[in-house]
Amino acid sequence: MTGRPMRYRDAMAAEAIRIGRDQHLPRRPQWTCGTCDGEPVWPCAPARVRLGEAYGRDRVGLSMYVGALLTAALDDLPAADAGELTTRFTAWTRCSCGTS
């Protein structure tokens, strides 16, 4: 580590590489899925599945990651409803269905 603070975009790119998310990445600043045609908003269902699998039982880590992305989305979409974005980005993280 160099002691320099890591830029936000660099940190998010490093996290995407760490969890192996090579598809279903958000298209910014619209926060739509770069892969899905049928479900334009991000996180789309496949992105939620991949994130859930990558974080497994670490719901705190998953929540922190999507919370950081939510902060970026709030900056990118100032006219959007903050409650709706919060639900879209974080509500699904509470379910541990399908994870082992």
PDB file of N, CA and C in Angstrom:
ATOM      1  N   MET A   1       0.846  -1.172   0.000  1.00  0.00           N
ATOM      2  CA  MET A   1       0.000   0.000   0.000  1.00  0.00           C
ATOM      3  C   MET A   1       0.892   1.235   0.000  1.00  0.00           C
ATOM      4  N   THR A   2       0.525   2.233  -0.763  1.00  0.00           N
ATOM      5  CA  THR A   2       1.346   3.416  -0.925  1.00  0.00           C
ATOM      6  C   THR A   2       1.063   4.495   0.094  1.00  0.00           C
ATOM      7  N   GLY A   3       0.006   4.381   0.843  1.00  0.00           N
ATOM      8  CA  GLY A   3      -0.365   5.412   1.797  1.00  0.00           C
ATOM      9  C   GLY A   3      -1.261   6.473   1.182  1.00  0.00           C
ATOM     10  N   ARG A   4      -1.427   6.435  -0.134  1.00  0.00           N
ATOM     11  CA  ARG A   4      -2.332   7.371  -0.800  1.00  0.00           C
ATOM     12  C   ARG A   4      -3.743   6.819  -0.727  1.00  0.00           C
ATOM     13  N   PRO A   5      -4.738   7.693  -0.559  1.00  0.00           N
ATOM     14  CA  PRO A   5      -6.118   7.199  -0.558  1.00  0.00           C
ATOM     15  C   PRO A   5      -6.489   6.681  -1.942  1.00  0.00           C
ATOM     16  N   MET A   6      -7.241   5.583  -1.960  1.00  0.00           N
ATOM     17  CA  MET A   6      -7.678   4.990  -3.222  1.00  0.00           C
ATOM     18  C   MET A   6      -8.901   5.752  -3.713  1.00  0.00           C
ATOM     19  N   ARG A   7      -8.913   6.077  -4.988  1.00  0.00           N
ATOM     20  CA  ARG A   7     -10.073   6.742  -5.565  1.00  0.00           C
ATOM     21  C   ARG A   7     -11.259   5.785  -5.555  1.00  0.00           C
ATOM     22  N   TYR A   8     -12.456   6.357  -5.432  1.00  0.00           N
ATOM     23  CA  TYR A   8     -13.676   5.560  -5.343  1.00  0.00           C
ATOM     24  C   TYR A   8     -13.828   4.621  -6.533  1.00  0.00           C
ATOM     25  N   ARG A   9     -13.669   5.144  -7.744  1.00  0.00           N
ATOM     26  CA  ARG A   9     -13.847   4.306  -8.938  1.00  0.00           C
ATOM     27  C   ARG A   9     -12.826   3.171  -8.976  1.00  0.00           C
ATOM     28  N   ASP A  10     -11.603   3.450  -8.541  1.00  0.00           N
ATOM     29  CA  ASP A  10     -10.584   2.402  -8.509  1.00  0.00           C
ATOM     30  C   ASP A  10     -10.957   1.328  -7.489  1.00  0.00           C
ATOM     31  N   ALA A  11     -11.487   1.749  -6.351  1.00  0.00           N
ATOM     32  CA  ALA A  11     -11.890   0.797  -5.313  1.00  0.00           C
ATOM     33  C   ALA A  11     -13.034  -0.082  -5.806  1.00  0.00           C
ATOM     34  N   MET A  12     -14.010   0.503  -6.481  1.00  0.00           N
ATOM     35  CA  MET A  12     -15.135  -0.275  -6.983  1.00  0.00           C
ATOM     36  C   MET A  12     -14.685  -1.219  -8.098  1.00  0.00           C
ATOM     37  N   ALA A  13     -13.781  -0.781  -8.944  1.00  0.00           N
ATOM     38  CA  ALA A  13     -13.258  -1.662 -10.001  1.00  0.00           C
ATOM     39  C   ALA A  13     -12.503  -2.832  -9.392  1.00  0.00           C
ATOM     40  N   ALA A  14     -11.715  -2.564  -8.358  1.00  0.00           N
ATOM     41  CA  ALA A  14     -10.970  -3.634  -7.689  1.00  0.00           C
ATOM     42  C   ALA A  14     -11.934  -4.623  -7.039  1.00  0.00           C
ATOM     43  N   GLU A  15     -13.014  -4.123  -6.462  1.00  0.00           N
ATOM     44  CA  GLU A  15     -14.001  -5.006  -5.827  1.00  0.00           C
ATOM     45  C   GLU A  15     -14.709  -5.847  -6.883  1.00  0.00           C
ATOM     46  N   ALA A  16     -15.033  -5.269  -8.021  1.00  0.00           N
ATOM     47  CA  ALA A  16     -15.678  -6.030  -9.096  1.00  0.00           C
ATOM     48  C   ALA A  16     -14.770  -7.159  -9.572  1.00  0.00           C
ATOM     49  N   ILE A  17     -13.489  -6.887  -9.670  1.00  0.00           N
ATOM     50  CA  ILE A  17     -12.529  -7.924 -10.072  1.00  0.00           C
ATOM     51  C   ILE A  17     -12.430  -8.993  -8.991  1.00  0.00           C
ATOM     52  N   ARG A  18     -12.407  -8.562  -7.727  1.00  0.00           N
ATOM     53  CA  ARG A  18     -12.279  -9.504  -6.615  1.00  0.00           C
ATOM     54  C   ARG A  18     -13.416 -10.512  -6.588  1.00  0.00           C
ATOM     55  N   ILE A  19     -14.636 -10.051  -6.834  1.00  0.00           N
ATOM     56  CA  ILE A  19     -15.772 -10.961  -6.749  1.00  0.00           C
ATOM     57  C   ILE A  19     -16.104 -11.599  -8.093  1.00  0.00           C
ATOM     58  N   GLY A  20     -15.340 -11.294  -9.136  1.00  0.00           N
ATOM     59  CA  GLY A  20     -15.518 -11.962 -10.421  1.00  0.00           C
ATOM     60  C   GLY A  20     -16.727 -11.518 -11.195  1.00  0.00           C
ATOM     61  N   ARG A  21     -17.132 -10.302 -11.010  1.00  0.00           N
ATOM     62  CA  ARG A  21     -18.285  -9.785 -11.725  1.00  0.00           C
ATOM     63  C   ARG A  21     -17.843  -9.213 -13.050  1.00  0.00           C
ATOM     64  N   ASP A  22     -17.880 -10.014 -14.094  1.00  0.00           N
ATOM     65  CA  ASP A  22     -17.446  -9.519 -15.388  1.00  0.00           C
ATOM     66  C   ASP A  22     -18.627  -9.157 -16.280  1.00  0.00           C
ATOM     67  N   GLN A  23     -19.822  -9.405 -15.819  1.00  0.00           N
ATOM     68  CA  GLN A  23     -21.030  -9.068 -16.566  1.00  0.00           C
ATOM     69  C   GLN A  23     -22.019  -8.424 -15.616  1.00  0.00           C
ATOM     70  N   HIS A  24     -23.051  -7.871 -16.176  1.00  0.00           N
ATOM     71  CA  HIS A  24     -24.125  -7.233 -15.410  1.00  0.00           C
ATOM     72  C   HIS A  24     -23.582  -6.118 -14.524  1.00  0.00           C
ATOM     73  N   LEU A  25     -22.673  -5.351 -15.091  1.00  0.00           N
ATOM     74  CA  LEU A  25     -22.131  -4.187 -14.396  1.00  0.00           C
ATOM     75  C   LEU A  25     -23.056  -2.996 -14.617  1.00  0.00           C
ATOM     76  N   PRO A  26     -23.078  -2.069 -13.675  1.00  0.00           N
ATOM     77  CA  PRO A  26     -23.930  -0.898 -13.860  1.00  0.00           C
ATOM     78  C   PRO A  26     -23.369   0.036 -14.924  1.00  0.00           C
ATOM     79  N   ARG A  27     -24.261   0.582 -15.711  1.00  0.00           N
ATOM     80  CA  ARG A  27     -23.902   1.607 -16.687  1.00  0.00           C
ATOM     81  C   ARG A  27     -24.208   2.952 -16.030  1.00  0.00           C
ATOM     82  N   ARG A  28     -23.161   3.728 -15.840  1.00  0.00           N
ATOM     83  CA  ARG A  28     -23.312   5.001 -15.161  1.00  0.00           C
ATOM     84  C   ARG A  28     -23.274   6.143 -16.161  1.00  0.00           C
ATOM     85  N   PRO A  29     -23.943   7.212 -15.920  1.00  0.00           N
ATOM     86  CA  PRO A  29     -24.595   7.638 -14.684  1.00  0.00           C
ATOM     87  C   PRO A  29     -26.070   7.251 -14.587  1.00  0.00           C
ATOM     88  N   GLN A  30     -26.574   6.462 -15.538  1.00  0.00           N
ATOM     89  CA  GLN A  30     -27.997   6.100 -15.530  1.00  0.00           C
ATOM     90  C   GLN A  30     -28.321   5.007 -14.518  1.00  0.00           C
ATOM     91  N   TRP A  31     -27.335   4.222 -14.120  1.00  0.00           N
ATOM     92  CA  TRP A  31     -27.508   3.073 -13.228  1.00  0.00           C
ATOM     93  C   TRP A  31     -28.485   2.062 -13.822  1.00  0.00           C
ATOM     94  N   THR A  32     -28.209   1.714 -15.080  1.00  0.00           N
ATOM     95  CA  THR A  32     -28.919   0.634 -15.742  1.00  0.00           C
ATOM     96  C   THR A  32     -27.930  -0.505 -15.937  1.00  0.00           C
ATOM     97  N   CYS A  33     -28.438  -1.692 -16.213  1.00  0.00           N
ATOM     98  CA  CYS A  33     -27.557  -2.838 -16.433  1.00  0.00           C
ATOM     99  C   CYS A  33     -26.967  -2.752 -17.830  1.00  0.00           C
ATOM    100  N   GLY A  34     -25.677  -2.961 -17.921  1.00  0.00           N
ATOM    101  CA  GLY A  34     -25.008  -2.926 -19.207  1.00  0.00           C
ATOM    102  C   GLY A  34     -25.236  -4.173 -20.040  1.00  0.00           C
ATOM    103  N   THR A  35     -25.856  -5.199 -19.460  1.00  0.00           N
ATOM    104  CA  THR A  35     -26.056  -6.473 -20.151  1.00  0.00           C
ATOM    105  C   THR A  35     -27.524  -6.775 -20.412  1.00  0.00           C
ATOM    106  N   CYS A  36     -28.389  -6.524 -19.441  1.00  0.00           N
ATOM    107  CA  CYS A  36     -29.806  -6.908 -19.538  1.00  0.00           C
ATOM    108  C   CYS A  36     -30.590  -6.010 -20.484  1.00  0.00           C
ATOM    109  N   ASP A  37     -31.461  -6.647 -21.242  1.00  0.00           N
ATOM    110  CA  ASP A  37     -32.392  -5.894 -22.074  1.00  0.00           C
ATOM    111  C   ASP A  37     -33.746  -5.790 -21.389  1.00  0.00           C
ATOM    112  N   GLY A  38     -34.173  -6.876 -20.756  1.00  0.00           N
ATOM    113  CA  GLY A  38     -35.497  -6.929 -20.161  1.00  0.00           C
ATOM    114  C   GLY A  38     -35.637  -6.198 -18.842  1.00  0.00           C
ATOM    115  N   GLU A  39     -34.560  -6.102 -18.080  1.00  0.00           N
ATOM    116  CA  GLU A  39     -34.615  -5.446 -16.775  1.00  0.00           C
ATOM    117  C   GLU A  39     -33.543  -4.357 -16.750  1.00  0.00           C
ATOM    118  N   PRO A  40     -33.929  -3.148 -17.109  1.00  0.00           N
ATOM    119  CA  PRO A  40     -32.915  -2.121 -17.312  1.00  0.00           C
ATOM    120  C   PRO A  40     -32.269  -1.564 -16.048  1.00  0.00           C
ATOM    121  N   VAL A  41     -32.922  -1.677 -14.907  1.00  0.00           N
ATOM    122  CA  VAL A  41     -32.338  -1.077 -13.705  1.00  0.00           C
ATOM    123  C   VAL A  41     -31.248  -1.966 -13.120  1.00  0.00           C
ATOM    124  N   TRP A  42     -30.311  -1.341 -12.458  1.00  0.00           N
ATOM    125  CA  TRP A  42     -29.247  -2.072 -11.772  1.00  0.00           C
ATOM    126  C   TRP A  42     -29.364  -1.791 -10.288  1.00  0.00           C
ATOM    127  N   PRO A  43     -29.224  -2.786  -9.416  1.00  0.00           N
ATOM    128  CA  PRO A  43     -28.795  -4.142  -9.695  1.00  0.00           C
ATOM    129  C   PRO A  43     -29.935  -4.998 -10.234  1.00  0.00           C
ATOM    130  N   CYS A  44     -29.694  -5.595 -11.376  1.00  0.00           N
ATOM    131  CA  CYS A  44     -30.659  -6.497 -12.003  1.00  0.00           C
ATOM    132  C   CYS A  44     -30.634  -7.832 -11.252  1.00  0.00           C
ATOM    133  N   ALA A  45     -31.562  -8.711 -11.574  1.00  0.00           N
ATOM    134  CA  ALA A  45     -31.618 -10.010 -10.895  1.00  0.00           C
ATOM    135  C   ALA A  45     -30.314 -10.804 -11.026  1.00  0.00           C
ATOM    136  N   PRO A  46     -29.719 -10.910 -12.227  1.00  0.00           N
ATOM    137  CA  PRO A  46     -28.450 -11.642 -12.315  1.00  0.00           C
ATOM    138  C   PRO A  46     -27.325 -10.998 -11.494  1.00  0.00           C
ATOM    139  N   ALA A  47     -27.295  -9.674 -11.427  1.00  0.00           N
ATOM    140  CA  ALA A  47     -26.268  -9.005 -10.621  1.00  0.00           C
ATOM    141  C   ALA A  47     -26.481  -9.308  -9.143  1.00  0.00           C
ATOM    142  N   ARG A  48     -27.739  -9.318  -8.696  1.00  0.00           N
ATOM    143  CA  ARG A  48     -28.015  -9.639  -7.287  1.00  0.00           C
ATOM    144  C   ARG A  48     -27.601 -11.070  -6.967  1.00  0.00           C
ATOM    145  N   VAL A  49     -27.860 -11.997  -7.888  1.00  0.00           N
ATOM    146  CA  VAL A  49     -27.462 -13.390  -7.672  1.00  0.00           C
ATOM    147  C   VAL A  49     -25.945 -13.484  -7.566  1.00  0.00           C
ATOM    148  N   ARG A  50     -25.250 -12.871  -8.502  1.00  0.00           N
ATOM    149  CA  ARG A  50     -23.779 -12.930  -8.486  1.00  0.00           C
ATOM    150  C   ARG A  50     -23.199 -12.289  -7.240  1.00  0.00           C
ATOM    151  N   LEU A  51     -23.730 -11.152  -6.860  1.00  0.00           N
ATOM    152  CA  LEU A  51     -23.243 -10.502  -5.641  1.00  0.00           C
ATOM    153  C   LEU A  51     -23.523 -11.367  -4.413  1.00  0.00           C
ATOM    154  N   GLY A  52     -24.731 -11.948  -4.359  1.00  0.00           N
ATOM    155  CA  GLY A  52     -25.075 -12.826  -3.243  1.00  0.00           C
ATOM    156  C   GLY A  52     -24.158 -14.029  -3.162  1.00  0.00           C
ATOM    157  N   GLU A  53     -23.835 -14.611  -4.306  1.00  0.00           N
ATOM    158  CA  GLU A  53     -22.918 -15.755  -4.325  1.00  0.00           C
ATOM    159  C   GLU A  53     -21.510 -15.343  -3.935  1.00  0.00           C
ATOM    160  N   ALA A  54     -21.079 -14.193  -4.410  1.00  0.00           N
ATOM    161  CA  ALA A  54     -19.721 -13.740  -4.119  1.00  0.00           C
ATOM    162  C   ALA A  54     -19.525 -13.442  -2.637  1.00  0.00           C
ATOM    163  N   TYR A  55     -20.534 -12.867  -2.011  1.00  0.00           N
ATOM    164  CA  TYR A  55     -20.406 -12.508  -0.594  1.00  0.00           C
ATOM    165  C   TYR A  55     -20.884 -13.617   0.335  1.00  0.00           C
ATOM    166  N   GLY A  56     -21.664 -14.569  -0.169  1.00  0.00           N
ATOM    167  CA  GLY A  56     -22.116 -15.685   0.650  1.00  0.00           C
ATOM    168  C   GLY A  56     -22.816 -15.221   1.914  1.00  0.00           C
ATOM    169  N   ARG A  57     -22.329 -15.655   3.045  1.00  0.00           N
ATOM    170  CA  ARG A  57     -22.937 -15.305   4.332  1.00  0.00           C
ATOM    171  C   ARG A  57     -22.488 -13.944   4.858  1.00  0.00           C
ATOM    172  N   ASP A  58     -21.572 -13.296   4.182  1.00  0.00           N
ATOM    173  CA  ASP A  58     -21.073 -11.986   4.617  1.00  0.00           C
ATOM    174  C   ASP A  58     -22.048 -10.891   4.190  1.00  0.00           C
ATOM    175  N   ARG A  59     -23.186 -10.843   4.861  1.00  0.00           N
ATOM    176  CA  ARG A  59     -24.214  -9.854   4.536  1.00  0.00           C
ATOM    177  C   ARG A  59     -23.766  -8.442   4.888  1.00  0.00           C
ATOM    178  N   VAL A  60     -22.928  -8.298   5.896  1.00  0.00           N
ATOM    179  CA  VAL A  60     -22.428  -6.973   6.259  1.00  0.00           C
ATOM    180  C   VAL A  60     -21.548  -6.431   5.136  1.00  0.00           C
ATOM    181  N   GLY A  61     -20.635  -7.254   4.637  1.00  0.00           N
ATOM    182  CA  GLY A  61     -19.775  -6.831   3.536  1.00  0.00           C
ATOM    183  C   GLY A  61     -20.582  -6.496   2.295  1.00  0.00           C
ATOM    184  N   LEU A  62     -21.573  -7.327   1.979  1.00  0.00           N
ATOM    185  CA  LEU A  62     -22.435  -7.082   0.828  1.00  0.00           C
ATOM    186  C   LEU A  62     -23.191  -5.766   1.009  1.00  0.00           C
ATOM    187  N   SER A  63     -23.727  -5.556   2.192  1.00  0.00           N
ATOM    188  CA  SER A  63     -24.482  -4.330   2.465  1.00  0.00           C
ATOM    189  C   SER A  63     -23.592  -3.096   2.363  1.00  0.00           C
ATOM    190  N   MET A  64     -22.358  -3.221   2.844  1.00  0.00           N
ATOM    191  CA  MET A  64     -21.430  -2.094   2.744  1.00  0.00           C
ATOM    192  C   MET A  64     -21.108  -1.786   1.283  1.00  0.00           C
ATOM    193  N   TYR A  65     -20.905  -2.820   0.480  1.00  0.00           N
ATOM    194  CA  TYR A  65     -20.582  -2.629  -0.924  1.00  0.00           C
ATOM    195  C   TYR A  65     -21.736  -1.956  -1.671  1.00  0.00           C
ATOM    196  N   VAL A  66     -22.951  -2.499  -1.545  1.00  0.00           N
ATOM    197  CA  VAL A  66     -24.073  -1.904  -2.264  1.00  0.00           C
ATOM    198  C   VAL A  66     -24.439  -0.545  -1.674  1.00  0.00           C
ATOM    199  N   GLY A  67     -24.165  -0.339  -0.391  1.00  0.00           N
ATOM    200  CA  GLY A  67     -24.375   0.975   0.210  1.00  0.00           C
ATOM    201  C   GLY A  67     -23.460   2.026  -0.402  1.00  0.00           C
ATOM    202  N   ALA A  68     -22.216   1.642  -0.666  1.00  0.00           N
ATOM    203  CA  ALA A  68     -21.285   2.556  -1.330  1.00  0.00           C
ATOM    204  C   ALA A  68     -21.754   2.861  -2.748  1.00  0.00           C
ATOM    205  N   LEU A  69     -22.267   1.845  -3.431  1.00  0.00           N
ATOM    206  CA  LEU A  69     -22.797   2.067  -4.775  1.00  0.00           C
ATOM    207  C   LEU A  69     -24.056   2.934  -4.733  1.00  0.00           C
ATOM    208  N   LEU A  70     -24.874   2.744  -3.705  1.00  0.00           N
ATOM    209  CA  LEU A  70     -26.065   3.578  -3.528  1.00  0.00           C
ATOM    210  C   LEU A  70     -25.664   5.045  -3.389  1.00  0.00           C
ATOM    211  N   THR A  71     -24.628   5.319  -2.630  1.00  0.00           N
ATOM    212  CA  THR A  71     -24.148   6.688  -2.464  1.00  0.00           C
ATOM    213  C   THR A  71     -23.758   7.292  -3.808  1.00  0.00           C
ATOM    214  N   ALA A  72     -23.073   6.507  -4.633  1.00  0.00           N
ATOM    215  CA  ALA A  72     -22.694   6.986  -5.965  1.00  0.00           C
ATOM    216  C   ALA A  72     -23.937   7.219  -6.830  1.00  0.00           C
ATOM    217  N   ALA A  73     -24.914   6.322  -6.725  1.00  0.00           N
ATOM    218  CA  ALA A  73     -26.142   6.468  -7.513  1.00  0.00           C
ATOM    219  C   ALA A  73     -26.918   7.717  -7.086  1.00  0.00           C
ATOM    220  N   LEU A  74     -26.944   7.993  -5.796  1.00  0.00           N
ATOM    221  CA  LEU A  74     -27.619   9.201  -5.315  1.00  0.00           C
ATOM    222  C   LEU A  74     -26.954  10.456  -5.871  1.00  0.00           C
ATOM    223  N   ASP A  75     -25.632  10.429  -5.993  1.00  0.00           N
ATOM    224  CA  ASP A  75     -24.912  11.558  -6.590  1.00  0.00           C
ATOM    225  C   ASP A  75     -25.204  11.669  -8.082  1.00  0.00           C
ATOM    226  N   ASP A  76     -25.249  10.525  -8.769  1.00  0.00           N
ATOM    227  CA  ASP A  76     -25.468  10.521 -10.218  1.00  0.00           C
ATOM    228  C   ASP A  76     -26.908  10.841 -10.607  1.00  0.00           C
ATOM    229  N   LEU A  77     -27.853  10.523  -9.723  1.00  0.00           N
ATOM    230  CA  LEU A  77     -29.282  10.676 -10.034  1.00  0.00           C
ATOM    231  C   LEU A  77     -29.961  11.581  -9.008  1.00  0.00           C
ATOM    232  N   PRO A  78     -29.611  12.877  -8.988  1.00  0.00           N
ATOM    233  CA  PRO A  78     -30.154  13.759  -7.938  1.00  0.00           C
ATOM    234  C   PRO A  78     -31.671  13.928  -7.999  1.00  0.00           C
ATOM    235  N   ALA A  79     -32.290  13.728  -9.156  1.00  0.00           N
ATOM    236  CA  ALA A  79     -33.740  13.886  -9.274  1.00  0.00           C
ATOM    237  C   ALA A  79     -34.503  12.624  -8.887  1.00  0.00           C
ATOM    238  N   ALA A  80     -33.798  11.508  -8.706  1.00  0.00           N
ATOM    239  CA  ALA A  80     -34.458  10.237  -8.373  1.00  0.00           C
ATOM    240  C   ALA A  80     -34.943  10.251  -6.927  1.00  0.00           C
ATOM    241  N   ASP A  81     -35.959   9.442  -6.662  1.00  0.00           N
ATOM    242  CA  ASP A  81     -36.478   9.296  -5.307  1.00  0.00           C
ATOM    243  C   ASP A  81     -35.467   8.522  -4.458  1.00  0.00           C
ATOM    244  N   ALA A  82     -34.959   9.147  -3.406  1.00  0.00           N
ATOM    245  CA  ALA A  82     -33.918   8.528  -2.574  1.00  0.00           C
ATOM    246  C   ALA A  82     -34.415   7.248  -1.903  1.00  0.00           C
ATOM    247  N   GLY A  83     -35.666   7.224  -1.475  1.00  0.00           N
ATOM    248  CA  GLY A  83     -36.223   6.023  -0.846  1.00  0.00           C
ATOM    249  C   GLY A  83     -36.318   4.864  -1.818  1.00  0.00           C
ATOM    250  N   GLU A  84     -36.720   5.178  -3.045  1.00  0.00           N
ATOM    251  CA  GLU A  84     -36.821   4.139  -4.072  1.00  0.00           C
ATOM    252  C   GLU A  84     -35.436   3.572  -4.409  1.00  0.00           C
ATOM    253  N   LEU A  85     -34.442   4.452  -4.537  1.00  0.00           N
ATOM    254  CA  LEU A  85     -33.089   3.977  -4.806  1.00  0.00           C
ATOM    255  C   LEU A  85     -32.553   3.138  -3.648  1.00  0.00           C
ATOM    256  N   THR A  86     -32.834   3.561  -2.435  1.00  0.00           N
ATOM    257  CA  THR A  86     -32.374   2.811  -1.269  1.00  0.00           C
ATOM    258  C   THR A  86     -32.974   1.415  -1.262  1.00  0.00           C
ATOM    259  N   THR A  87     -34.261   1.318  -1.533  1.00  0.00           N
ATOM    260  CA  THR A  87     -34.913   0.008  -1.602  1.00  0.00           C
ATOM    261  C   THR A  87     -34.310  -0.830  -2.717  1.00  0.00           C
ATOM    262  N   ARG A  88     -34.143  -0.224  -3.876  1.00  0.00           N
ATOM    263  CA  ARG A  88     -33.595  -0.938  -5.038  1.00  0.00           C
ATOM    264  C   ARG A  88     -32.193  -1.480  -4.777  1.00  0.00           C
ATOM    265  N   PHE A  89     -31.357  -0.710  -4.118  1.00  0.00           N
ATOM    266  CA  PHE A  89     -29.975  -1.111  -3.913  1.00  0.00           C
ATOM    267  C   PHE A  89     -29.772  -1.997  -2.686  1.00  0.00           C
ATOM    268  N   THR A  90     -30.570  -1.823  -1.643  1.00  0.00           N
ATOM    269  CA  THR A  90     -30.236  -2.504  -0.389  1.00  0.00           C
ATOM    270  C   THR A  90     -31.255  -3.512   0.130  1.00  0.00           C
ATOM    271  N   ALA A  91     -32.532  -3.375  -0.195  1.00  0.00           N
ATOM    272  CA  ALA A  91     -33.560  -4.242   0.406  1.00  0.00           C
ATOM    273  C   ALA A  91     -33.299  -5.713   0.135  1.00  0.00           C
ATOM    274  N   TRP A  92     -32.852  -6.052  -1.043  1.00  0.00           N
ATOM    275  CA  TRP A  92     -32.639  -7.455  -1.406  1.00  0.00           C
ATOM    276  C   TRP A  92     -31.493  -8.095  -0.629  1.00  0.00           C
ATOM    277  N   THR A  93     -30.608  -7.325  -0.042  1.00  0.00           N
ATOM    278  CA  THR A  93     -29.455  -7.886   0.669  1.00  0.00           C
ATOM    279  C   THR A  93     -29.838  -8.569   1.970  1.00  0.00           C
ATOM    280  N   ARG A  94     -31.028  -8.316   2.465  1.00  0.00           N
ATOM    281  CA  ARG A  94     -31.452  -8.912   3.733  1.00  0.00           C
ATOM    282  C   ARG A  94     -31.816 -10.378   3.603  1.00  0.00           C
ATOM    283  N   CYS A  95     -32.150 -10.811   2.410  1.00  0.00           N
ATOM    284  CA  CYS A  95     -32.556 -12.194   2.189  1.00  0.00           C
ATOM    285  C   CYS A  95     -31.323 -13.086   2.047  1.00  0.00           C
ATOM    286  N   SER A  96     -31.285 -14.171   2.817  1.00  0.00           N
ATOM    287  CA  SER A  96     -30.180 -15.114   2.689  1.00  0.00           C
ATOM    288  C   SER A  96     -30.626 -16.371   1.945  1.00  0.00           C
ATOM    289  N   CYS A  97     -31.738 -16.254   1.230  1.00  0.00           N
ATOM    290  CA  CYS A  97     -32.300 -17.379   0.484  1.00  0.00           C
ATOM    291  C   CYS A  97     -31.314 -17.864  -0.566  1.00  0.00           C
ATOM    292  N   GLY A  98     -31.122 -19.136  -0.639  1.00  0.00           N
ATOM    293  CA  GLY A  98     -30.308 -19.714  -1.699  1.00  0.00           C
ATOM    294  C   GLY A  98     -28.817 -19.638  -1.481  1.00  0.00           C
ATOM    295  N   THR A  99     -28.367 -19.086  -0.351  1.00  0.00           N
ATOM    296  CA  THR A  99     -26.935 -19.061  -0.083  1.00  0.00           C
ATOM    297  C   THR A  99     -26.612 -20.136   0.928  1.00  0.00           C
ATOM    298  N   SER A 100     -25.436 -20.678   0.802  1.00  0.00           N
ATOM    299  CA  SER A 100     -25.077 -21.749   1.730  1.00  0.00           C
ATOM    300  C   SER A 100     -24.053 -21.286   2.723  1.00  0.00           C
TER     301      SER A 100
END
